[in-house]
């Protein structure tokens, strides 16, 4: 069940990021093509998603960062848990 929830959240976030990137590049057909290419590239898609949400949609910078870079603190916690699990 958690896998399904994760993938649904990942796809929904991907759609939000896709449209944020498309709006950042102007909102036309070619911007959507660029957005489709950039959306699922780690870090690159997140950076352009933040730019689109902040500059085009008027979001606060911290809100866009929290939405598009949520996985970095999660990966840090998983890494730290893994370090402590190895010592057992």
PDB file of N, CA and C in Angstrom:
ATOM      1  N   UNK A   1       0.818  -1.199   0.000  1.00  0.00           N
ATOM      2  CA  UNK A   1       0.000   0.000   0.000  1.00  0.00           C
ATOM      3  C   UNK A   1       0.860   1.262   0.000  1.00  0.00           C
ATOM      4  N   UNK A   2       1.964   1.253   0.733  1.00  0.00           N
ATOM      5  CA  UNK A   2       2.835   2.425   0.777  1.00  0.00           C
ATOM      6  C   UNK A   2       3.490   2.681  -0.580  1.00  0.00           C
ATOM      7  N   UNK A   3       3.819   1.592  -1.303  1.00  0.00           N
ATOM      8  CA  UNK A   3       4.401   1.770  -2.629  1.00  0.00           C
ATOM      9  C   UNK A   3       3.428   2.488  -3.549  1.00  0.00           C
ATOM     10  N   UNK A   4       2.183   2.090  -3.503  1.00  0.00           N
ATOM     11  CA  UNK A   4       1.161   2.715  -4.335  1.00  0.00           C
ATOM     12  C   UNK A   4       1.000   4.185  -3.975  1.00  0.00           C
ATOM     13  N   UNK A   5       0.963   4.490  -2.691  1.00  0.00           N
ATOM     14  CA  UNK A   5       0.851   5.871  -2.245  1.00  0.00           C
ATOM     15  C   UNK A   5       2.052   6.696  -2.702  1.00  0.00           C
ATOM     16  N   UNK A   6       3.241   6.113  -2.609  1.00  0.00           N
ATOM     17  CA  UNK A   6       4.452   6.807  -3.046  1.00  0.00           C
ATOM     18  C   UNK A   6       4.389   7.119  -4.540  1.00  0.00           C
ATOM     19  N   UNK A   7       3.997   6.148  -5.344  1.00  0.00           N
ATOM     20  CA  UNK A   7       3.973   6.366  -6.792  1.00  0.00           C
ATOM     21  C   UNK A   7       2.896   7.362  -7.194  1.00  0.00           C
ATOM     22  N   UNK A   8       1.761   7.348  -6.537  1.00  0.00           N
ATOM     23  CA  UNK A   8       0.721   8.335  -6.831  1.00  0.00           C
ATOM     24  C   UNK A   8       1.217   9.730  -6.479  1.00  0.00           C
ATOM     25  N   UNK A   9       1.856   9.879  -5.324  1.00  0.00           N
ATOM     26  CA  UNK A   9       2.410  11.176  -4.927  1.00  0.00           C
ATOM     27  C   UNK A   9       3.501  11.617  -5.893  1.00  0.00           C
ATOM     28  N   UNK A  10       4.336  10.684  -6.321  1.00  0.00           N
ATOM     29  CA  UNK A  10       5.415  10.991  -7.273  1.00  0.00           C
ATOM     30  C   UNK A  10       4.837  11.483  -8.601  1.00  0.00           C
ATOM     31  N   UNK A  11       3.801  10.841  -9.088  1.00  0.00           N
ATOM     32  CA  UNK A  11       3.181  11.264 -10.346  1.00  0.00           C
ATOM     33  C   UNK A  11       2.493  12.622 -10.217  1.00  0.00           C
ATOM     34  N   UNK A  12       1.793  12.845  -9.110  1.00  0.00           N
ATOM     35  CA  UNK A  12       1.141  14.135  -8.902  1.00  0.00           C
ATOM     36  C   UNK A  12       2.160  15.263  -8.804  1.00  0.00           C
ATOM     37  N   UNK A  13       3.231  15.031  -8.072  1.00  0.00           N
ATOM     38  CA  UNK A  13       4.289  16.024  -7.981  1.00  0.00           C
ATOM     39  C   UNK A  13       4.922  16.252  -9.346  1.00  0.00           C
ATOM     40  N   UNK A  14       5.074  15.194 -10.120  1.00  0.00           N
ATOM     41  CA  UNK A  14       5.623  15.323 -11.467  1.00  0.00           C
ATOM     42  C   UNK A  14       4.758  16.197 -12.360  1.00  0.00           C
ATOM     43  N   UNK A  15       3.423  16.054 -12.255  1.00  0.00           N
ATOM     44  CA  UNK A  15       2.535  16.896 -13.051  1.00  0.00           C
ATOM     45  C   UNK A  15       2.634  18.362 -12.638  1.00  0.00           C
ATOM     46  N   UNK A  16       2.679  18.615 -11.344  1.00  0.00           N
ATOM     47  CA  UNK A  16       2.829  19.996 -10.864  1.00  0.00           C
ATOM     48  C   UNK A  16       4.142  20.571 -11.371  1.00  0.00           C
ATOM     49  N   UNK A  17       5.205  19.784 -11.272  1.00  0.00           N
ATOM     50  CA  UNK A  17       6.522  20.231 -11.726  1.00  0.00           C
ATOM     51  C   UNK A  17       6.521  20.456 -13.236  1.00  0.00           C
ATOM     52  N   UNK A  18       5.859  19.579 -13.977  1.00  0.00           N
ATOM     53  CA  UNK A  18       5.770  19.701 -15.431  1.00  0.00           C
ATOM     54  C   UNK A  18       5.149  21.042 -15.829  1.00  0.00           C
ATOM     55  N   UNK A  19       4.042  21.398 -15.203  1.00  0.00           N
ATOM     56  CA  UNK A  19       3.371  22.641 -15.563  1.00  0.00           C
ATOM     57  C   UNK A  19       4.123  23.866 -15.050  1.00  0.00           C
ATOM     58  N   UNK A  20       4.806  23.743 -13.920  1.00  0.00           N
ATOM     59  CA  UNK A  20       5.624  24.862 -13.437  1.00  0.00           C
ATOM     60  C   UNK A  20       6.767  25.133 -14.405  1.00  0.00           C
ATOM     61  N   UNK A  21       7.402  24.078 -14.890  1.00  0.00           N
ATOM     62  CA  UNK A  21       8.502  24.241 -15.842  1.00  0.00           C
ATOM     63  C   UNK A  21       7.984  24.789 -17.164  1.00  0.00           C
ATOM     64  N   UNK A  22       6.859  24.274 -17.643  1.00  0.00           N
ATOM     65  CA  UNK A  22       6.284  24.762 -18.902  1.00  0.00           C
ATOM     66  C   UNK A  22       5.941  26.247 -18.798  1.00  0.00           C
ATOM     67  N   UNK A  23       5.372  26.663 -17.678  1.00  0.00           N
ATOM     68  CA  UNK A  23       5.061  28.081 -17.500  1.00  0.00           C
ATOM     69  C   UNK A  23       6.329  28.921 -17.426  1.00  0.00           C
ATOM     70  N   UNK A  24       7.368  28.387 -16.827  1.00  0.00           N
ATOM     71  CA  UNK A  24       8.635  29.119 -16.744  1.00  0.00           C
ATOM     72  C   UNK A  24       9.206  29.393 -18.130  1.00  0.00           C
ATOM     73  N   UNK A  25       9.044  28.443 -19.052  1.00  0.00           N
ATOM     74  CA  UNK A  25       9.568  28.604 -20.407  1.00  0.00           C
ATOM     75  C   UNK A  25       8.590  29.286 -21.351  1.00  0.00           C
ATOM     76  N   UNK A  26       7.465  29.759 -20.872  1.00  0.00           N
ATOM     77  CA  UNK A  26       6.576  30.562 -21.690  1.00  0.00           C
ATOM     78  C   UNK A  26       5.203  29.985 -21.927  1.00  0.00           C
ATOM     79  N   UNK A  27       4.989  28.712 -21.694  1.00  0.00           N
ATOM     80  CA  UNK A  27       3.663  28.140 -21.773  1.00  0.00           C
ATOM     81  C   UNK A  27       3.189  27.671 -23.133  1.00  0.00           C
ATOM     82  N   UNK A  28       4.021  27.669 -24.142  1.00  0.00           N
ATOM     83  CA  UNK A  28       3.598  27.195 -25.460  1.00  0.00           C
ATOM     84  C   UNK A  28       3.899  25.719 -25.669  1.00  0.00           C
ATOM     85  N   UNK A  29       3.763  25.280 -26.916  1.00  0.00           N
ATOM     86  CA  UNK A  29       3.993  23.873 -27.252  1.00  0.00           C
ATOM     87  C   UNK A  29       5.431  23.459 -26.980  1.00  0.00           C
ATOM     88  N   UNK A  30       6.384  24.276 -27.418  1.00  0.00           N
ATOM     89  CA  UNK A  30       7.787  23.910 -27.251  1.00  0.00           C
ATOM     90  C   UNK A  30       8.226  23.963 -25.783  1.00  0.00           C
ATOM     91  N   UNK A  31       7.596  24.826 -25.016  1.00  0.00           N
ATOM     92  CA  UNK A  31       7.897  24.842 -23.583  1.00  0.00           C
ATOM     93  C   UNK A  31       7.416  23.566 -22.915  1.00  0.00           C
ATOM     94  N   UNK A  32       6.300  23.018 -23.391  1.00  0.00           N
ATOM     95  CA  UNK A  32       5.808  21.750 -22.850  1.00  0.00           C
ATOM     96  C   UNK A  32       6.746  20.608 -23.234  1.00  0.00           C
ATOM     97  N   UNK A  33       7.303  20.660 -24.444  1.00  0.00           N
ATOM     98  CA  UNK A  33       8.269  19.640 -24.866  1.00  0.00           C
ATOM     99  C   UNK A  33       9.508  19.697 -23.981  1.00  0.00           C
ATOM    100  N   UNK A  34      10.018  20.908 -23.747  1.00  0.00           N
ATOM    101  CA  UNK A  34      11.181  21.065 -22.854  1.00  0.00           C
ATOM    102  C   UNK A  34      10.845  20.594 -21.446  1.00  0.00           C
ATOM    103  N   UNK A  35       9.647  20.920 -20.995  1.00  0.00           N
ATOM    104  CA  UNK A  35       9.233  20.529 -19.650  1.00  0.00           C
ATOM    105  C   UNK A  35       9.143  19.012 -19.525  1.00  0.00           C
ATOM    106  N   UNK A  36       8.612  18.343 -20.556  1.00  0.00           N
ATOM    107  CA  UNK A  36       8.556  16.876 -20.531  1.00  0.00           C
ATOM    108  C   UNK A  36       9.950  16.278 -20.443  1.00  0.00           C
ATOM    109  N   UNK A  37      10.898  16.892 -21.118  1.00  0.00           N
ATOM    110  CA  UNK A  37      12.272  16.410 -21.084  1.00  0.00           C
ATOM    111  C   UNK A  37      12.928  16.646 -19.723  1.00  0.00           C
ATOM    112  N   UNK A  38      12.689  17.810 -19.135  1.00  0.00           N
ATOM    113  CA  UNK A  38      13.395  18.212 -17.907  1.00  0.00           C
ATOM    114  C   UNK A  38      12.757  17.727 -16.611  1.00  0.00           C
ATOM    115  N   UNK A  39      11.478  17.442 -16.620  1.00  0.00           N
ATOM    116  CA  UNK A  39      10.747  17.190 -15.379  1.00  0.00           C
ATOM    117  C   UNK A  39      11.335  16.068 -14.542  1.00  0.00           C
ATOM    118  N   UNK A  40      11.654  14.949 -15.148  1.00  0.00           N
ATOM    119  CA  UNK A  40      12.076  13.794 -14.358  1.00  0.00           C
ATOM    120  C   UNK A  40      13.584  13.622 -14.309  1.00  0.00           C
ATOM    121  N   UNK A  41      14.341  14.674 -14.596  1.00  0.00           N
ATOM    122  CA  UNK A  41      15.785  14.651 -14.372  1.00  0.00           C
ATOM    123  C   UNK A  41      16.006  15.154 -12.949  1.00  0.00           C
ATOM    124  N   UNK A  42      16.571  14.329 -12.077  1.00  0.00           N
ATOM    125  CA  UNK A  42      16.745  14.753 -10.688  1.00  0.00           C
ATOM    126  C   UNK A  42      17.554  16.045 -10.584  1.00  0.00           C
ATOM    127  N   UNK A  43      17.210  16.861  -9.669  1.00  0.00           N
ATOM    128  CA  UNK A  43      17.767  18.172  -9.375  1.00  0.00           C
ATOM    129  C   UNK A  43      17.481  19.187 -10.471  1.00  0.00           C
ATOM    130  N   UNK A  44      17.700  18.869 -11.727  1.00  0.00           N
ATOM    131  CA  UNK A  44      17.439  19.812 -12.818  1.00  0.00           C
ATOM    132  C   UNK A  44      15.950  20.133 -12.878  1.00  0.00           C
ATOM    133  N   UNK A  45      15.117  19.100 -12.863  1.00  0.00           N
ATOM    134  CA  UNK A  45      13.675  19.320 -12.874  1.00  0.00           C
ATOM    135  C   UNK A  45      13.207  20.070 -11.644  1.00  0.00           C
ATOM    136  N   UNK A  46      13.806  19.759 -10.512  1.00  0.00           N
ATOM    137  CA  UNK A  46      13.422  20.451  -9.278  1.00  0.00           C
ATOM    138  C   UNK A  46      13.787  21.926  -9.322  1.00  0.00           C
ATOM    139  N   UNK A  47      14.965  22.235  -9.843  1.00  0.00           N
ATOM    140  CA  UNK A  47      15.396  23.638  -9.929  1.00  0.00           C
ATOM    141  C   UNK A  47      14.452  24.426 -10.835  1.00  0.00           C
ATOM    142  N   UNK A  48      14.153  23.884 -12.011  1.00  0.00           N
ATOM    143  CA  UNK A  48      13.242  24.588 -12.913  1.00  0.00           C
ATOM    144  C   UNK A  48      11.822  24.631 -12.368  1.00  0.00           C
ATOM    145  N   UNK A  49      11.422  23.608 -11.623  1.00  0.00           N
ATOM    146  CA  UNK A  49      10.114  23.638 -10.979  1.00  0.00           C
ATOM    147  C   UNK A  49      10.026  24.758  -9.953  1.00  0.00           C
ATOM    148  N   UNK A  50      11.078  24.927  -9.172  1.00  0.00           N
ATOM    149  CA  UNK A  50      11.122  26.018  -8.198  1.00  0.00           C
ATOM    150  C   UNK A  50      11.067  27.363  -8.908  1.00  0.00           C
ATOM    151  N   UNK A  51      11.848  27.508  -9.981  1.00  0.00           N
ATOM    152  CA  UNK A  51      11.832  28.772 -10.723  1.00  0.00           C
ATOM    153  C   UNK A  51      10.446  29.082 -11.280  1.00  0.00           C
ATOM    154  N   UNK A  52       9.793  28.067 -11.848  1.00  0.00           N
ATOM    155  CA  UNK A  52       8.462  28.288 -12.399  1.00  0.00           C
ATOM    156  C   UNK A  52       7.440  28.631 -11.340  1.00  0.00           C
ATOM    157  N   UNK A  53       7.462  27.909 -10.235  1.00  0.00           N
ATOM    158  CA  UNK A  53       6.490  28.170  -9.168  1.00  0.00           C
ATOM    159  C   UNK A  53       6.733  29.532  -8.526  1.00  0.00           C
ATOM    160  N   UNK A  54       7.987  29.895  -8.341  1.00  0.00           N
ATOM    161  CA  UNK A  54       8.308  31.162  -7.678  1.00  0.00           C
ATOM    162  C   UNK A  54       8.079  32.357  -8.605  1.00  0.00           C
ATOM    163  N   UNK A  55       8.616  32.283  -9.806  1.00  0.00           N
ATOM    164  CA  UNK A  55       8.557  33.442 -10.703  1.00  0.00           C
ATOM    165  C   UNK A  55       7.241  33.560 -11.464  1.00  0.00           C
ATOM    166  N   UNK A  56       6.690  32.449 -11.899  1.00  0.00           N
ATOM    167  CA  UNK A  56       5.494  32.514 -12.736  1.00  0.00           C
ATOM    168  C   UNK A  56       4.197  32.411 -11.934  1.00  0.00           C
ATOM    169  N   UNK A  57       4.200  31.592 -10.892  1.00  0.00           N
ATOM    170  CA  UNK A  57       2.973  31.399 -10.118  1.00  0.00           C
ATOM    171  C   UNK A  57       2.901  32.293  -8.892  1.00  0.00           C
ATOM    172  N   UNK A  58       3.995  32.955  -8.541  1.00  0.00           N
ATOM    173  CA  UNK A  58       3.997  33.865  -7.404  1.00  0.00           C
ATOM    174  C   UNK A  58       4.099  33.203  -6.042  1.00  0.00           C
ATOM    175  N   UNK A  59       4.560  31.958  -6.010  1.00  0.00           N
ATOM    176  CA  UNK A  59       4.747  31.278  -4.729  1.00  0.00           C
ATOM    177  C   UNK A  59       5.924  31.897  -3.998  1.00  0.00           C
ATOM    178  N   UNK A  60       5.883  31.795  -2.670  1.00  0.00           N
ATOM    179  CA  UNK A  60       7.052  32.155  -1.880  1.00  0.00           C
ATOM    180  C   UNK A  60       8.164  31.144  -2.183  1.00  0.00           C
ATOM    181  N   UNK A  61       9.406  31.589  -2.093  1.00  0.00           N
ATOM    182  CA  UNK A  61      10.532  30.723  -2.420  1.00  0.00           C
ATOM    183  C   UNK A  61      10.580  29.502  -1.506  1.00  0.00           C
ATOM    184  N   UNK A  62      10.318  29.686  -0.219  1.00  0.00           N
ATOM    185  CA  UNK A  62      10.386  28.556   0.708  1.00  0.00           C
ATOM    186  C   UNK A  62       9.315  27.516   0.391  1.00  0.00           C
ATOM    187  N   UNK A  63       8.146  27.963  -0.086  1.00  0.00           N
ATOM    188  CA  UNK A  63       7.090  27.014  -0.442  1.00  0.00           C
ATOM    189  C   UNK A  63       7.489  26.160  -1.641  1.00  0.00           C
ATOM    190  N   UNK A  64       8.056  26.802  -2.649  1.00  0.00           N
ATOM    191  CA  UNK A  64       8.492  26.065  -3.837  1.00  0.00           C
ATOM    192  C   UNK A  64       9.640  25.116  -3.499  1.00  0.00           C
ATOM    193  N   UNK A  65      10.560  25.562  -2.660  1.00  0.00           N
ATOM    194  CA  UNK A  65      11.669  24.687  -2.254  1.00  0.00           C
ATOM    195  C   UNK A  65      11.170  23.483  -1.474  1.00  0.00           C
ATOM    196  N   UNK A  66      10.210  23.695  -0.582  1.00  0.00           N
ATOM    197  CA  UNK A  66       9.664  22.584   0.203  1.00  0.00           C
ATOM    198  C   UNK A  66       8.955  21.570  -0.688  1.00  0.00           C
ATOM    199  N   UNK A  67       8.264  22.041  -1.705  1.00  0.00           N
ATOM    200  CA  UNK A  67       7.533  21.125  -2.570  1.00  0.00           C
ATOM    201  C   UNK A  67       8.460  20.341  -3.492  1.00  0.00           C
ATOM    202  N   UNK A  68       9.418  21.009  -4.105  1.00  0.00           N
ATOM    203  CA  UNK A  68      10.211  20.362  -5.134  1.00  0.00           C
ATOM    204  C   UNK A  68      11.512  19.743  -4.630  1.00  0.00           C
ATOM    205  N   UNK A  69      11.941  20.076  -3.433  1.00  0.00           N
ATOM    206  CA  UNK A  69      13.173  19.496  -2.885  1.00  0.00           C
ATOM    207  C   UNK A  69      12.930  18.710  -1.607  1.00  0.00           C
ATOM    208  N   UNK A  70      11.735  18.170  -1.424  1.00  0.00           N
ATOM    209  CA  UNK A  70      11.411  17.398  -0.225  1.00  0.00           C
ATOM    210  C   UNK A  70      12.274  16.159  -0.096  1.00  0.00           C
ATOM    211  N   UNK A  71      12.740  15.626  -1.191  1.00  0.00           N
ATOM    212  CA  UNK A  71      13.452  14.350  -1.163  1.00  0.00           C
ATOM    213  C   UNK A  71      14.869  14.458  -0.618  1.00  0.00           C
ATOM    214  N   UNK A  72      15.450  15.625  -0.582  1.00  0.00           N
ATOM    215  CA  UNK A  72      16.826  15.751  -0.086  1.00  0.00           C
ATOM    216  C   UNK A  72      16.889  15.505   1.424  1.00  0.00           C
ATOM    217  N   UNK A  73      16.044  16.135   2.258  1.00  0.00           N
ATOM    218  CA  UNK A  73      16.080  15.780   3.679  1.00  0.00           C
ATOM    219  C   UNK A  73      15.699  14.331   3.941  1.00  0.00           C
ATOM    220  N   UNK A  74      14.766  13.794   3.155  1.00  0.00           N
ATOM    221  CA  UNK A  74      14.372  12.390   3.326  1.00  0.00           C
ATOM    222  C   UNK A  74      15.559  11.478   3.034  1.00  0.00           C
ATOM    223  N   UNK A  75      16.294  11.754   1.969  1.00  0.00           N
ATOM    224  CA  UNK A  75      17.471  10.937   1.654  1.00  0.00           C
ATOM    225  C   UNK A  75      18.531  11.050   2.742  1.00  0.00           C
ATOM    226  N   UNK A  76      18.668  12.235   3.341  1.00  0.00           N
ATOM    227  CA  UNK A  76      19.611  12.402   4.435  1.00  0.00           C
ATOM    228  C   UNK A  76      19.246  11.573   5.647  1.00  0.00           C
ATOM    229  N   UNK A  77      17.969  11.541   5.983  1.00  0.00           N
ATOM    230  CA  UNK A  77      17.507  10.733   7.118  1.00  0.00           C
ATOM    231  C   UNK A  77      17.720   9.248   6.827  1.00  0.00           C
ATOM    232  N   UNK A  78      17.390   8.815   5.620  1.00  0.00           N
ATOM    233  CA  UNK A  78      17.591   7.408   5.255  1.00  0.00           C
ATOM    234  C   UNK A  78      19.076   7.053   5.316  1.00  0.00           C
ATOM    235  N   UNK A  79      19.929   7.952   4.872  1.00  0.00           N
ATOM    236  CA  UNK A  79      21.376   7.722   4.936  1.00  0.00           C
ATOM    237  C   UNK A  79      21.847   7.583   6.383  1.00  0.00           C
ATOM    238  N   UNK A  80      21.380   8.485   7.252  1.00  0.00           N
ATOM    239  CA  UNK A  80      21.788   8.417   8.655  1.00  0.00           C
ATOM    240  C   UNK A  80      21.272   7.156   9.340  1.00  0.00           C
ATOM    241  N   UNK A  81      20.048   6.767   9.037  1.00  0.00           N
ATOM    242  CA  UNK A  81      19.514   5.530   9.604  1.00  0.00           C
ATOM    243  C   UNK A  81      20.342   4.345   9.127  1.00  0.00           C
ATOM    244  N   UNK A  82      20.723   4.363   7.866  1.00  0.00           N
ATOM    245  CA  UNK A  82      21.558   3.295   7.327  1.00  0.00           C
ATOM    246  C   UNK A  82      22.912   3.223   8.004  1.00  0.00           C
ATOM    247  N   UNK A  83      23.477   4.354   8.326  1.00  0.00           N
ATOM    248  CA  UNK A  83      24.763   4.372   9.035  1.00  0.00           C
ATOM    249  C   UNK A  83      24.641   3.743  10.404  1.00  0.00           C
ATOM    250  N   UNK A  84      23.577   4.069  11.130  1.00  0.00           N
ATOM    251  CA  UNK A  84      23.394   3.527  12.467  1.00  0.00           C
ATOM    252  C   UNK A  84      23.010   2.067  12.444  1.00  0.00           C
ATOM    253  N   UNK A  85      22.326   1.621  11.410  1.00  0.00           N
ATOM    254  CA  UNK A  85      21.941   0.223  11.283  1.00  0.00           C
ATOM    255  C   UNK A  85      23.155  -0.664  11.008  1.00  0.00           C
ATOM    256  N   UNK A  86      24.158  -0.136  10.317  1.00  0.00           N
ATOM    257  CA  UNK A  86      25.368  -0.921  10.034  1.00  0.00           C
ATOM    258  C   UNK A  86      26.144  -1.239  11.285  1.00  0.00           C
ATOM    259  N   UNK A  87      26.081  -0.382  12.278  1.00  0.00           N
ATOM    260  CA  UNK A  87      26.851  -0.568  13.507  1.00  0.00           C
ATOM    261  C   UNK A  87      26.281  -1.650  14.403  1.00  0.00           C
ATOM    262  N   UNK A  88      25.083  -2.083  14.204  1.00  0.00           N
ATOM    263  CA  UNK A  88      24.472  -3.097  15.075  1.00  0.00           C
ATOM    264  C   UNK A  88      25.069  -4.433  14.877  1.00  0.00           C
TER     265      UNK A  88
END
